[in-house]
Protein backbone atom coordinates (compact mmCIF):
# COMPACT_ATOMS: atom_id res chain seq x y z
CA MET A 1 58.86 111.84 30.46
CA THR A 2 57.78 111.45 33.71
CA PHE A 3 53.85 111.13 32.44
CA ARG A 4 54.79 108.89 29.91
CA ARG A 5 57.04 106.93 32.75
CA ALA A 6 53.54 106.91 34.64
CA HIS A 7 51.21 106.19 31.23
CA MET A 8 53.71 103.07 30.71
CA CYS A 9 53.54 102.09 34.08
CA ALA A 10 50.10 102.41 35.00
CA CYS A 11 49.65 100.39 31.38
CA LEU A 12 51.85 97.64 32.75
CA MET A 13 50.32 97.55 35.66
CA ALA A 14 46.94 97.25 34.05
CA SER A 15 48.15 94.47 32.09
CA SER A 16 49.80 92.85 35.30
CA LEU A 17 45.95 93.05 36.12
CA VAL A 18 43.95 91.94 33.45
CA LEU A 19 46.70 88.86 33.00
CA CYS A 20 45.94 88.18 36.72
CA LEU A 21 42.20 88.26 36.71
CA ALA A 22 42.51 86.42 33.64
CA SER A 23 44.47 83.47 35.09
CA LYS A 24 42.32 83.87 37.67
CA ARG A 25 39.57 83.26 35.73
CA LEU A 26 40.86 80.81 34.11
CA ASN A 27 41.33 78.80 36.95
CA ALA A 28 37.55 79.20 38.45
CA GLN A 29 36.50 77.99 34.76
CA GLU A 30 38.79 74.86 34.93
CA ILE A 31 37.86 74.00 38.47
CA LEU A 32 34.36 74.05 37.13
CA SER A 33 34.69 72.12 33.98
CA GLY A 34 36.19 69.31 36.91
CA GLN A 35 33.31 69.22 38.59
CA GLN A 36 30.62 69.63 35.34
CA VAL A 37 32.78 66.31 34.12
CA ALA A 38 32.31 64.04 37.35
CA LEU A 39 28.74 65.29 37.60
CA SER A 40 27.43 65.78 34.61
CA GLY A 41 30.21 62.63 32.44
CA LYS A 42 30.16 65.33 29.71
CA PRO A 43 33.62 67.52 28.23
CA ALA A 44 34.44 70.49 29.89
CA LEU A 45 33.67 74.00 28.32
CA THR A 46 37.13 75.39 26.68
CA PHE A 47 37.51 78.73 27.34
CA GLU A 48 36.07 80.98 25.10
CA GLU A 49 33.00 78.83 25.04
CA LEU A 50 32.45 80.44 28.96
CA PRO A 51 29.90 82.57 29.50
CA ASP A 52 31.12 86.07 30.53
CA ALA A 53 29.60 85.56 34.18
CA PRO A 54 31.08 82.21 35.78
CA ALA A 55 29.99 83.03 39.44
CA PRO A 56 25.97 82.80 38.49
CA GLN A 57 26.92 79.47 36.50
CA ILE A 58 28.30 77.70 39.61
CA ALA A 59 25.68 78.30 41.69
CA VAL A 60 23.39 77.13 38.74
CA LEU A 61 25.50 74.64 37.99
CA GLN A 62 25.14 73.07 41.73
CA GLN A 63 20.97 73.42 42.24
CA THR A 64 20.38 72.05 38.74
CA THR A 65 22.75 69.21 38.40
CA PRO A 66 20.89 67.47 41.58
CA ALA A 67 17.47 67.73 40.47
CA SER A 68 18.62 66.15 37.23
CA SER A 69 20.22 63.36 38.30
CA SER A 70 16.94 62.51 40.84
CA SER A 71 15.15 62.95 37.95
CA SER A 72 17.03 59.91 36.06
CA GLN A 73 16.95 57.76 39.51
CA THR A 74 13.68 58.40 39.72
CA SER A 75 12.58 58.10 35.83
CA PRO A 76 11.93 54.55 35.86
CA SER A 77 10.02 54.40 38.51
CA GLU A 78 7.06 57.12 36.54
CA PRO A 79 5.54 54.68 34.49
CA GLN A 80 5.10 52.29 37.80
CA SER A 81 3.75 55.45 39.82
CA SER A 82 1.31 56.24 36.95
CA ALA A 83 0.03 52.63 35.77
CA GLY A 84 -0.86 52.32 40.02
CA GLN A 85 -2.29 55.55 39.82
CA SER A 86 -4.24 53.99 36.89
CA GLY A 87 -4.91 50.90 38.26
CA SER A 88 -3.43 48.91 35.44
CA PRO A 89 -2.74 45.24 35.59
CA SER A 90 1.17 45.83 35.43
CA SER A 91 1.35 47.65 38.24
CA ALA A 92 -0.66 44.84 40.20
CA THR A 93 0.53 41.73 41.49
CA PRO A 94 0.54 38.82 39.39
CA PRO A 95 -2.59 37.29 38.69
CA GLN A 96 -2.96 33.93 40.91
CA GLN A 97 -3.71 30.98 39.29
CA PRO A 98 -8.00 30.22 39.37
CA GLN A 99 -9.36 28.25 41.58
CA GLU A 100 -10.90 24.81 40.89
CA SER A 101 -14.50 25.53 40.39
CA GLN A 102 -17.77 24.46 41.59
CA HIS A 103 -18.88 23.13 38.37
CA GLN A 104 -15.20 20.82 38.25
CA ILE A 105 -15.80 19.82 42.04
CA ALA A 106 -19.06 18.49 41.31
CA GLU A 107 -17.62 16.58 38.21
CA ASP A 108 -14.69 15.36 40.34
CA GLN A 109 -17.22 13.70 43.06
CA LEU A 110 -19.69 12.55 40.05
CA LYS A 111 -15.96 10.47 38.78
CA GLN A 112 -15.58 8.84 42.21
CA GLN A 113 -19.65 8.03 42.47
CA LYS A 114 -20.21 6.23 39.27
CA LYS A 115 -16.97 4.03 40.52
CA GLN A 116 -19.33 2.53 43.74
CA ARG A 117 -20.71 -0.30 43.07
CA VAL A 118 -22.19 -2.75 46.15
CA PHE A 119 -21.39 -6.61 45.94
CA GLY A 120 -19.06 -5.30 43.12
CA PHE A 121 -21.44 -5.14 40.42
CA LEU A 122 -24.72 -3.26 41.79
CA PRO A 123 -24.80 0.24 40.30
CA SER A 124 -24.35 2.38 43.31
CA PHE A 125 -24.22 5.70 41.41
CA ASN A 126 -26.60 7.49 43.59
CA THR A 127 -25.20 7.35 46.84
CA SER A 128 -22.94 10.22 47.97
CA TYR A 129 -20.48 8.93 50.99
CA LEU A 130 -19.68 12.72 51.57
CA ASP A 131 -22.40 14.94 53.43
CA ASN A 132 -20.92 18.24 52.01
CA ALA A 133 -20.62 17.00 48.59
CA VAL A 134 -21.34 19.92 46.31
CA SER A 135 -24.67 20.43 44.67
CA LEU A 136 -25.40 19.50 40.74
CA THR A 137 -26.54 21.26 37.55
CA ALA A 138 -29.24 20.79 36.14
CA GLY A 139 -27.13 18.68 32.93
CA GLN A 140 -25.10 16.72 36.10
CA LYS A 141 -28.44 15.96 37.08
CA PHE A 142 -29.58 14.44 34.24
CA ARG A 143 -26.19 12.74 33.40
CA LEU A 144 -26.09 10.59 37.07
CA ALA A 145 -29.95 9.82 36.35
CA PHE A 146 -28.99 7.93 32.62
CA SER A 147 -26.33 6.34 33.99
CA GLN A 148 -27.41 5.18 36.74
CA THR A 149 -30.70 4.19 34.48
CA THR A 150 -29.11 2.61 31.69
CA ASP A 151 -26.37 0.37 33.10
CA PRO A 152 -26.86 -2.97 32.02
CA VAL A 153 -27.36 -4.34 35.96
CA GLN A 154 -31.09 -2.55 35.24
CA PHE A 155 -31.87 -4.63 32.13
CA GLY A 156 -30.50 -7.71 34.26
CA ILE A 157 -32.57 -6.18 37.17
CA ALA A 158 -36.10 -5.63 34.92
CA ALA A 159 -35.17 -8.89 33.21
CA PHE A 160 -35.65 -11.12 36.54
CA ALA A 161 -38.35 -9.45 37.37
CA ALA A 162 -40.22 -9.67 34.46
CA GLY A 163 -39.75 -13.66 35.04
CA LEU A 164 -41.03 -13.61 38.76
CA ASP A 165 -44.04 -11.89 37.20
CA GLU A 166 -44.66 -14.56 34.34
CA ALA A 167 -43.75 -17.26 36.93
CA GLU A 168 -46.47 -16.06 39.38
CA GLY A 169 -49.19 -15.33 36.37
CA GLY A 170 -49.31 -11.44 37.55
CA ASP A 171 -50.24 -9.08 34.49
CA TYR A 172 -52.10 -11.70 32.58
CA GLY A 173 -53.08 -9.79 30.06
CA TYR A 174 -49.53 -9.75 28.35
CA GLY A 175 -49.59 -13.39 27.51
CA GLY A 176 -47.68 -15.97 28.42
CA GLY A 177 -44.62 -17.13 26.08
CA PRO A 178 -41.21 -15.66 24.97
CA LEU A 179 -43.58 -13.16 23.74
CA GLY A 180 -45.73 -12.08 27.18
CA TYR A 181 -42.21 -12.66 28.66
CA GLY A 182 -40.79 -9.80 26.55
CA LYS A 183 -43.91 -7.48 27.34
CA ARG A 184 -43.55 -7.77 30.84
CA TRP A 185 -39.47 -7.29 30.18
CA GLY A 186 -40.23 -4.28 28.56
CA ALA A 187 -43.02 -2.77 31.02
CA ASP A 188 -41.14 -3.33 33.68
CA TYR A 189 -37.42 -1.48 32.26
CA LEU A 190 -39.40 1.55 31.36
CA THR A 191 -41.33 1.66 34.33
CA SER A 192 -38.03 1.81 35.98
CA PHE A 193 -36.64 4.42 33.83
CA ASP A 194 -39.43 6.89 33.70
CA GLY A 195 -39.37 7.00 37.11
CA ASN A 196 -35.76 7.39 37.85
CA MET A 197 -35.25 10.09 35.51
CA ILE A 198 -38.43 12.12 36.56
CA GLY A 199 -37.25 11.55 39.95
CA ASN A 200 -33.75 11.51 39.77
CA ALA A 201 -33.57 14.36 37.01
CA LEU A 202 -36.53 16.47 35.77
CA LEU A 203 -37.84 17.12 38.85
CA PRO A 204 -35.24 17.90 40.99
CA ALA A 205 -33.24 20.46 38.03
CA LEU A 206 -36.55 21.91 38.54
CA LEU A 207 -37.22 22.19 42.34
CA HIS A 208 -33.68 22.53 43.17
CA GLN A 209 -33.24 19.21 44.87
CA ASP A 210 -30.48 16.98 45.32
CA PRO A 211 -31.33 13.16 43.82
CA ARG A 212 -28.67 11.53 45.52
CA PHE A 213 -28.58 9.48 48.92
CA PHE A 214 -26.22 10.87 51.73
CA ARG A 215 -25.46 7.73 53.63
CA ARG A 216 -25.43 8.67 57.32
CA GLY A 217 -22.22 6.05 58.38
CA TYR A 218 -22.29 6.45 62.15
CA GLY A 219 -24.89 6.07 64.99
CA SER A 220 -27.04 3.10 65.76
CA ALA A 221 -28.17 1.08 63.78
CA LYS A 222 -31.73 1.02 64.51
CA ARG A 223 -31.11 5.08 63.42
CA ARG A 224 -29.61 4.58 60.74
CA VAL A 225 -32.51 2.04 58.97
CA LEU A 226 -34.83 4.50 60.35
CA TYR A 227 -32.80 7.52 58.18
CA ALA A 228 -32.35 5.13 55.21
CA LEU A 229 -36.25 4.79 55.01
CA ALA A 230 -36.70 8.81 55.09
CA THR A 231 -34.74 9.58 52.59
CA SER A 232 -37.83 8.59 50.62
CA PHE A 233 -39.59 11.51 51.65
CA VAL A 234 -37.32 13.90 52.64
CA CYS A 235 -33.69 15.41 50.54
CA LYS A 236 -31.36 18.36 50.54
CA HIS A 237 -32.12 21.87 49.03
CA ASP A 238 -29.44 22.43 46.57
CA VAL A 239 -28.97 26.01 47.22
CA THR A 240 -29.64 25.69 51.49
CA GLY A 241 -28.35 22.01 51.84
CA LYS A 242 -31.42 22.31 54.24
CA TRP A 243 -33.17 18.70 54.97
CA GLU A 244 -36.87 19.33 53.37
CA PRO A 245 -39.59 16.97 51.55
CA ASN A 246 -38.48 14.91 48.88
CA TYR A 247 -41.04 15.98 46.06
CA SER A 248 -38.94 14.85 43.43
CA ASN A 249 -38.79 11.05 44.32
CA ILE A 250 -42.63 11.31 45.68
CA GLY A 251 -43.50 13.16 42.47
CA GLY A 252 -41.38 10.71 39.57
CA ASN A 253 -42.68 7.55 41.92
CA ILE A 254 -46.70 8.63 41.13
CA ILE A 255 -45.44 10.80 37.37
CA GLY A 256 -43.66 6.95 36.52
CA GLY A 257 -47.04 5.22 37.88
CA ALA A 258 -49.32 7.31 35.58
CA ILE A 259 -47.30 6.91 32.74
CA SER A 260 -47.04 3.21 32.65
CA ASN A 261 -50.87 2.95 32.65
CA PHE A 262 -50.81 3.96 28.29
CA TYR A 263 -48.73 0.03 27.85
CA VAL A 264 -49.84 -1.67 30.54
CA PRO A 265 -52.12 -3.83 29.91
CA LYS A 266 -56.08 -2.47 30.27
CA ASP A 267 -57.15 -4.50 33.21
CA ASP A 268 -54.66 -3.39 34.88
CA ARG A 269 -55.17 0.39 34.52
CA GLY A 270 -56.45 2.64 36.49
CA VAL A 271 -55.49 5.13 39.74
CA ASP A 272 -55.47 1.85 41.69
CA ASN A 273 -52.06 0.96 39.56
CA VAL A 274 -50.75 4.29 39.86
CA PHE A 275 -51.07 4.22 43.81
CA GLN A 276 -49.65 0.76 43.87
CA GLY A 277 -46.75 1.41 41.66
CA PHE A 278 -46.13 4.26 44.04
CA ALA A 279 -46.28 2.05 46.83
CA LEU A 280 -43.77 -0.68 45.52
CA VAL A 281 -41.08 1.51 44.13
CA THR A 282 -40.96 3.37 47.74
CA VAL A 283 -40.37 0.72 49.27
CA GLU A 284 -37.78 -0.62 46.43
CA GLY A 285 -36.30 2.30 46.83
CA GLY A 286 -36.88 2.39 51.07
CA ALA A 287 -34.68 -1.37 50.40
CA GLY A 288 -31.92 -0.21 48.80
CA ALA A 289 -31.00 2.52 50.35
CA ILE A 290 -30.50 0.78 53.93
CA LEU A 291 -28.40 -1.95 51.34
CA GLN A 292 -26.33 2.08 50.80
CA GLU A 293 -26.35 2.86 54.14
CA PHE A 294 -24.63 -0.28 55.55
CA TRP A 295 -22.65 -1.38 52.34
CA PRO A 296 -19.13 0.06 53.54
CA ASP A 297 -19.93 -1.86 57.02
CA ILE A 298 -20.37 -5.05 54.85
CA SER A 299 -17.48 -4.07 53.00
CA ARG A 300 -14.78 -3.68 55.49
CA LYS A 301 -15.64 -6.10 57.40
CA PHE A 302 -16.10 -9.42 55.02
CA PHE A 303 -13.96 -8.07 52.29
CA HIS A 304 -11.48 -5.77 53.73
CA LYS A 305 -12.39 -2.88 51.31
CA ASP A 306 -13.51 0.65 52.40
CA PRO A 307 -15.53 2.16 49.54
CA THR A 308 -15.73 5.24 51.41
CA ASN A 309 -12.24 5.63 51.39
CA GLY A 310 -11.44 6.57 55.00
CA HIS A 311 -14.11 9.35 55.11
CA ASP A 312 -16.35 7.30 57.66
CA ALA A 313 -13.41 6.85 60.30
CA ILE A 314 -13.32 10.87 60.20
CA ILE A 315 -17.11 11.52 60.82
CA ARG A 316 -16.84 8.18 63.49
CA ALA A 317 -14.38 10.26 64.83
CA GLN A 318 -16.21 13.67 65.30
CA HIS A 319 -19.46 12.00 67.07
CA GLY A 320 -16.77 9.66 69.20
CA GLN A 321 -17.61 6.52 67.31
CA GLN A 322 -15.23 3.67 66.93
CA THR A 323 -15.36 2.14 62.79
CA LYS A 324 -16.58 -1.34 62.75
C-alpha cells in the first residue's frame, strides 16, 4: 500500500511536473509566435507545429530575421549597384541635350550674312562683322560664293560695265550694237563668276582658307583703309585662325583671267590680258573692301541703323574707343 501510494504520488508529481513543463513550453511558444508575427507579418505556428527544441529556434529567429529584413530593404538597390558597376546608361545621370554643332552655328551666321546689303541693294554676303566667326565647311563656302555671284545685282553690275565698255569703244572685237553689247555683258559676268567661284569657293575649300572679309571696325581711318586693302592679299586659315597669304583670292583672280582667254576676242588674248584682268579685279576688290569696312559707320550716321547689331560698340569698348 505504501509502495502504491508512493508510486501514485510519484506519478501525480511526475504528471504535475509534465503539465507544468508543458504549460511553460506553451507560454514560450506563444511568446515566440508573437515575435514572429511582429517581425515577419506571418501567422504564428500552432503548438503541434513547433520544433522539438524551441530555444535554438528563438536564437535562429533573432539572427536571421534582421538579415532577411535588411535584404528586403536593400534588394531594390541591388539592380542599381550592379548597373552602376557595369557602367550602363540607366545608372548614369540623364543625358544632356546636345549642344549646337559648329556646323549649325556657321549656318546661323551665314543666314545673318545673307541679309546684309550696302545701301539696301548691294549684296554684302561675303562680309563678316564677327572677328571670331565659325569657320565654314567646303559646302558652305560654295553656297556662299554662289549666292553672292548669282544675286540679281551682279547681273546689273555686269550690264553697267558692259555699257561703259561699249561707250568707250573698248573690246572692239565684240562688235557694236545689241549683239556686241550682249557679248560684252556675258563676258564681264562670266569673268566675275569664274573668279568668285574659284577664288571664294574652290581654292578656299582646298587650301582651308576663309574667303570672307572680316571687318575691323575700330582704329583710325587710315589704318582701317590699309587693313581693307591688305585683305586682298591676306586671309584667315580655317583651322588655326591665323592670318596668312591669301592664295585663294590671288589664284582665283589669275585663273579667272586665264579662263577669259577662251571667250574674249583674239586681239585681247594673251598673258597681258590675264594680268591686266588680275590687276583690275584686285583694285575692284580693294575698293569693295573699303566700302564694306566703313558702311556700318555710314549707315549709323545717315540712316540711323546699325548693320552690326551692336558688335561695333562691343569691339570699340574693348579697344577703348567711342562708337561713331
